[in-house]
């Protein structure tokens, strides 16, 4: 079994050094998606539903592990806080986020480079903290949640989002049967450190959990060319040199070894809404 690439320090530049990997992955998945609500909108709806209501405008909303800023823009537009701050360790992803989000009238939007194990935020300064699809990039996600809790204002709200351990597992069979990686099904899940089965437990170590929701998302890829666009961005597999990051070469290999046909795969998205405990205030 190979080292989980998300937890492999030697892979960080490969994974986060340029926004193209995430952009390609998102594009391939969104064109394949047939079921499941948009995640950024769902996060904003959950924050609004469990927040303090319309009587008080939110102060600071933090998008932790903001990546290319997809959720940041929706959070700013939907929640209308005084301030939206996106935090990520990757300077390249932050540059993409700044360009994507731009200026939003009435909201002070900023992006800050920082380690989510040591958030660049003061104690009790954040009304809502979002950590979506980032906790499993840490070998110690509980430390990230501790930091997030520290930054929350009294009765501040956290929305944590992750995926199930078996997300996209149908791809494992495809990759193994093609011979591209015969051991594809034996590699550790990319979501091993923070997944649908343990996210609420991790949150309860620091926070009061007020809601947990699971939703299955379904993706139907039209054929090898479409599948290759996704697989080329997936660091889970041990591919031959020249295949990772190269959709055309991957597609050619799939066409050579397998009949071309649609592939359907799934992922359960889990949302945990939690609040800072009163005794922590």
Protein backbone atom coordinates (compact mmCIF):
# COMPACT_ATOMS: atom_id res chain seq x y z
CA UNK A 1 0.00 0.00 0.00
CA UNK A 2 1.36 3.44 -0.94
CA UNK A 3 1.47 6.41 1.41
CA UNK A 4 -1.72 8.47 1.28
CA UNK A 5 -0.64 11.32 -1.05
CA UNK A 6 -2.68 13.91 0.87
CA UNK A 7 -0.58 13.10 3.95
CA UNK A 8 2.74 12.74 2.12
CA UNK A 9 4.84 15.87 2.65
CA UNK A 10 6.90 15.12 -0.47
CA UNK A 11 3.77 15.48 -2.65
CA UNK A 12 2.66 18.92 -1.45
CA UNK A 13 4.09 20.93 -4.35
CA UNK A 14 2.68 18.42 -6.81
CA UNK A 15 -0.80 18.64 -5.29
CA UNK A 16 -1.09 22.29 -4.36
CA UNK A 17 1.58 24.13 -6.32
CA UNK A 18 -0.72 25.05 -9.22
CA UNK A 19 -4.50 25.49 -9.43
CA UNK A 20 -4.79 23.42 -12.63
CA UNK A 21 -5.10 20.07 -10.82
CA UNK A 22 -8.08 21.20 -8.74
CA UNK A 23 -9.61 23.01 -11.71
CA UNK A 24 -9.37 19.90 -13.89
CA UNK A 25 -10.74 17.64 -11.16
CA UNK A 26 -13.68 19.93 -10.45
CA UNK A 27 -14.49 20.36 -14.13
CA UNK A 28 -14.50 16.61 -14.78
CA UNK A 29 -16.64 15.87 -11.72
CA UNK A 30 -19.17 18.65 -12.28
CA UNK A 31 -19.75 17.63 -15.91
CA UNK A 32 -20.38 14.07 -14.68
CA UNK A 33 -22.63 14.94 -11.75
CA UNK A 34 -26.22 13.72 -11.96
CA UNK A 35 -27.38 13.91 -8.32
CA UNK A 36 -26.46 15.95 -5.25
CA UNK A 37 -26.93 19.57 -4.23
CA UNK A 38 -24.12 22.08 -4.86
CA UNK A 39 -21.88 21.90 -1.81
CA UNK A 40 -21.09 25.63 -1.39
CA UNK A 41 -24.79 26.53 -1.46
CA UNK A 42 -25.58 23.77 1.03
CA UNK A 43 -22.89 25.06 3.39
CA UNK A 44 -24.31 28.58 3.22
CA UNK A 45 -27.85 27.29 3.81
CA UNK A 46 -26.72 25.30 6.86
CA UNK A 47 -24.84 28.27 8.29
CA UNK A 48 -27.87 30.51 7.82
CA UNK A 49 -30.31 27.95 9.25
CA UNK A 50 -28.29 27.34 12.42
CA UNK A 51 -26.92 30.85 12.83
CA UNK A 52 -28.16 33.71 14.96
CA UNK A 53 -30.85 34.82 12.53
CA UNK A 54 -31.41 38.09 10.65
CA UNK A 55 -31.33 40.36 13.71
CA UNK A 56 -27.53 40.51 13.70
CA UNK A 57 -25.29 40.70 10.67
CA UNK A 58 -22.41 38.26 10.75
CA UNK A 59 -18.99 39.68 11.46
CA UNK A 60 -16.23 37.41 10.14
CA UNK A 61 -16.76 34.24 8.14
CA UNK A 62 -13.63 32.13 7.60
CA UNK A 63 -13.28 29.69 4.70
CA UNK A 64 -10.48 27.41 5.92
CA UNK A 65 -8.66 25.49 3.22
CA UNK A 66 -10.41 27.72 0.70
CA UNK A 67 -8.52 26.40 -2.34
CA UNK A 68 -9.60 28.21 -5.51
CA UNK A 69 -12.31 30.17 -3.66
CA UNK A 70 -15.38 28.36 -5.00
CA UNK A 71 -17.06 28.26 -1.58
CA UNK A 72 -15.65 31.64 -0.57
CA UNK A 73 -17.62 33.48 -3.21
CA UNK A 74 -20.88 31.70 -2.39
CA UNK A 75 -20.44 32.28 1.35
CA UNK A 76 -19.83 35.98 0.79
CA UNK A 77 -22.81 36.35 -1.52
CA UNK A 78 -25.24 34.22 0.48
CA UNK A 79 -24.31 35.10 4.08
CA UNK A 80 -23.33 38.76 3.48
CA UNK A 81 -20.92 38.98 6.42
CA UNK A 82 -18.99 42.15 7.18
CA UNK A 83 -15.81 40.20 6.37
CA UNK A 84 -14.96 37.01 4.52
CA UNK A 85 -11.45 35.65 4.89
CA UNK A 86 -10.17 32.69 2.90
CA UNK A 87 -7.22 30.80 4.33
CA UNK A 88 -5.04 28.29 2.51
CA UNK A 89 -1.44 27.08 2.64
CA UNK A 90 -0.99 27.33 -1.13
CA UNK A 91 -0.03 30.71 -2.57
CA UNK A 92 -1.00 29.49 -6.05
CA UNK A 93 -4.50 28.49 -4.96
CA UNK A 94 -4.95 31.78 -3.10
CA UNK A 95 -4.03 33.73 -6.23
CA UNK A 96 -6.69 31.78 -8.14
CA UNK A 97 -9.20 32.47 -5.35
CA UNK A 98 -8.57 36.21 -5.42
CA UNK A 99 -9.18 36.27 -9.16
CA UNK A 100 -12.29 34.08 -8.91
CA UNK A 101 -13.98 35.98 -6.08
CA UNK A 102 -12.93 39.53 -6.91
CA UNK A 103 -14.83 42.28 -5.11
CA UNK A 104 -18.26 41.79 -3.56
CA UNK A 105 -20.18 44.91 -2.64
CA UNK A 106 -20.59 45.38 1.09
CA UNK A 107 -18.28 42.50 2.05
CA UNK A 108 -14.61 42.92 2.92
CA UNK A 109 -13.07 39.91 1.15
CA UNK A 110 -9.47 38.93 1.80
CA UNK A 111 -7.29 35.85 1.35
CA UNK A 112 -4.46 34.90 3.69
CA UNK A 113 -1.77 32.26 3.41
CA UNK A 114 -1.55 30.13 6.52
CA UNK A 115 -1.32 26.67 8.04
CA UNK A 116 -4.69 25.43 9.26
CA UNK A 117 -2.94 23.86 12.27
CA UNK A 118 -2.04 27.42 13.33
CA UNK A 119 -4.73 29.67 11.93
CA UNK A 120 -3.79 33.33 11.40
CA UNK A 121 -6.85 34.45 13.39
CA UNK A 122 -7.24 35.83 16.88
CA UNK A 123 -9.11 34.12 19.69
CA UNK A 124 -12.87 34.45 19.37
CA UNK A 125 -12.77 36.54 16.20
CA UNK A 126 -14.85 34.40 13.85
CA UNK A 127 -18.65 34.02 13.77
CA UNK A 128 -18.69 31.19 11.21
CA UNK A 129 -15.80 28.90 10.30
CA UNK A 130 -16.08 26.56 7.31
CA UNK A 131 -13.70 23.66 6.72
CA UNK A 132 -14.85 21.91 3.55
CA UNK A 133 -12.90 19.07 1.91
CA UNK A 134 -9.70 20.04 3.71
CA UNK A 135 -9.56 18.15 7.02
CA UNK A 136 -8.45 14.92 5.34
CA UNK A 137 -5.39 16.76 4.06
CA UNK A 138 -4.10 16.71 7.65
CA UNK A 139 -2.71 13.68 9.52
CA UNK A 140 -4.16 15.28 12.68
CA UNK A 141 -7.52 16.80 11.74
CA UNK A 142 -8.40 17.13 15.42
CA UNK A 143 -5.69 19.77 15.70
CA UNK A 144 -7.33 21.74 12.90
CA UNK A 145 -10.67 21.56 14.70
CA UNK A 146 -9.01 22.72 17.92
CA UNK A 147 -7.60 25.73 16.06
CA UNK A 148 -10.94 26.43 14.43
CA UNK A 149 -12.60 26.30 17.86
CA UNK A 150 -10.07 28.74 19.26
CA UNK A 151 -10.94 31.24 16.54
CA UNK A 152 -14.71 30.95 17.01
CA UNK A 153 -16.58 33.72 18.80
CA UNK A 154 -18.81 32.74 21.75
CA UNK A 155 -21.51 30.47 20.32
CA UNK A 156 -19.78 30.72 16.95
CA UNK A 157 -20.71 28.16 14.32
CA UNK A 158 -18.55 25.66 12.45
CA UNK A 159 -19.55 23.81 9.28
CA UNK A 160 -17.31 20.84 8.50
CA UNK A 161 -17.58 18.90 5.24
CA UNK A 162 -15.96 15.67 4.11
CA UNK A 163 -16.48 12.56 1.94
CA UNK A 164 -17.03 8.87 2.63
CA UNK A 165 -14.10 6.47 2.72
CA UNK A 166 -15.38 4.63 -0.36
CA UNK A 167 -15.88 7.74 -2.50
CA UNK A 168 -15.39 7.04 -6.23
CA UNK A 169 -14.48 3.42 -5.42
CA UNK A 170 -15.87 2.30 -8.76
CA UNK A 171 -12.83 3.98 -10.28
CA UNK A 172 -10.58 1.56 -8.38
CA UNK A 173 -12.03 -1.37 -10.32
CA UNK A 174 -11.67 0.43 -13.62
CA UNK A 175 -8.02 1.35 -13.00
CA UNK A 176 -7.17 -2.15 -11.76
CA UNK A 177 -8.90 -3.98 -14.63
CA UNK A 178 -7.16 -1.76 -17.18
CA UNK A 179 -3.77 -2.70 -15.74
CA UNK A 180 -2.88 0.95 -15.11
CA UNK A 181 -2.55 0.11 -11.40
CA UNK A 182 -3.39 -3.52 -10.55
CA UNK A 183 -3.45 -2.66 -6.83
CA UNK A 184 -5.78 0.31 -7.18
CA UNK A 185 -8.36 -1.14 -4.81
CA UNK A 186 -5.80 -1.77 -2.07
CA UNK A 187 -4.61 1.81 -1.60
CA UNK A 188 -5.75 3.70 1.47
CA UNK A 189 -8.70 6.00 0.92
CA UNK A 190 -7.71 9.61 0.28
CA UNK A 191 -10.22 10.55 2.99
CA UNK A 192 -8.88 8.25 5.69
CA UNK A 193 -8.08 10.86 8.34
CA UNK A 194 -11.43 12.68 8.25
CA UNK A 195 -14.34 10.91 6.59
CA UNK A 196 -18.10 10.50 6.83
CA UNK A 197 -17.76 7.88 9.54
CA UNK A 198 -15.61 9.85 11.98
CA UNK A 199 -16.25 13.54 11.27
CA UNK A 200 -18.90 14.01 13.97
CA UNK A 201 -16.65 12.24 16.50
CA UNK A 202 -13.76 14.55 15.63
CA UNK A 203 -16.02 17.59 15.98
CA UNK A 204 -17.36 16.50 19.37
CA UNK A 205 -13.86 16.52 20.82
CA UNK A 206 -14.06 20.34 20.84
CA UNK A 207 -17.55 21.43 19.84
CA UNK A 208 -21.23 20.77 20.43
CA UNK A 209 -22.59 19.08 17.32
CA UNK A 210 -26.04 20.44 16.40
CA UNK A 211 -26.66 18.73 13.05
CA UNK A 212 -25.24 15.97 10.86
CA UNK A 213 -26.37 15.42 7.27
CA UNK A 214 -25.31 12.86 4.66
CA UNK A 215 -26.07 13.16 0.95
CA UNK A 216 -25.11 10.80 -1.85
CA UNK A 217 -23.69 12.47 -4.94
CA UNK A 218 -23.75 10.51 -8.19
CA UNK A 219 -21.45 11.00 -11.17
CA UNK A 220 -21.83 9.49 -14.64
CA UNK A 221 -18.77 9.73 -16.87
CA UNK A 222 -19.55 9.41 -20.57
CA UNK A 223 -16.58 7.22 -21.47
CA UNK A 224 -12.81 6.84 -21.33
CA UNK A 225 -11.99 10.38 -22.44
CA UNK A 226 -14.12 11.87 -19.67
CA UNK A 227 -12.88 9.37 -17.08
CA UNK A 228 -9.28 10.16 -18.01
CA UNK A 229 -9.81 13.86 -17.26
CA UNK A 230 -10.69 12.89 -13.69
CA UNK A 231 -8.11 10.13 -13.23
CA UNK A 232 -5.32 12.42 -14.42
CA UNK A 233 -5.98 14.62 -11.37
CA UNK A 234 -6.33 11.79 -8.84
CA UNK A 235 -3.09 11.16 -6.90
CA UNK A 236 -4.35 7.91 -5.35
CA UNK A 237 -3.06 5.58 -8.05
CA UNK A 238 0.44 4.39 -8.94
CA UNK A 239 0.43 5.25 -12.63
CA UNK A 240 3.24 4.79 -15.13
CA UNK A 241 5.47 7.84 -15.71
CA UNK A 242 3.81 10.37 -17.98
CA UNK A 243 0.22 9.38 -17.17
CA UNK A 244 -0.51 11.44 -14.05
CA UNK A 245 -1.61 14.88 -15.19
CA UNK A 246 -1.89 13.71 -18.81
CA UNK A 247 -5.55 12.99 -19.72
CA UNK A 248 -4.79 12.23 -23.38
CA UNK A 249 -2.23 9.56 -22.53
CA UNK A 250 -4.50 8.07 -19.86
CA UNK A 251 -7.43 7.94 -22.28
CA UNK A 252 -5.27 6.22 -24.88
CA UNK A 253 -4.27 3.55 -22.35
CA UNK A 254 -7.87 2.98 -21.30
CA UNK A 255 -8.99 2.67 -24.92
CA UNK A 256 -6.22 0.12 -25.54
CA UNK A 257 -7.16 -2.21 -22.70
CA UNK A 258 -10.90 -1.76 -22.03
CA UNK A 259 -14.08 -1.34 -24.10
CA UNK A 260 -15.25 2.26 -24.00
CA UNK A 261 -18.41 2.68 -21.94
CA UNK A 262 -19.97 5.04 -19.38
CA UNK A 263 -18.91 4.75 -15.75
CA UNK A 264 -21.10 5.69 -12.78
CA UNK A 265 -19.54 6.39 -9.39
CA UNK A 266 -20.70 7.84 -6.08
CA UNK A 267 -19.56 9.77 -3.05
CA UNK A 268 -21.39 10.46 0.20
CA UNK A 269 -20.90 14.05 1.31
CA UNK A 270 -21.19 14.61 5.06
CA UNK A 271 -21.92 17.95 6.71
CA UNK A 272 -21.41 18.50 10.42
CA UNK A 273 -22.71 21.72 11.95
CA UNK A 274 -21.29 22.44 15.40
CA UNK A 275 -21.22 25.29 17.87
CA UNK A 276 -18.65 26.54 20.30
CA UNK A 277 -19.54 25.42 23.79
CA UNK A 278 -20.72 28.01 26.29
CA UNK A 279 -18.03 27.02 28.77
CA UNK A 280 -15.40 27.83 26.12
CA UNK A 281 -16.60 31.43 25.85
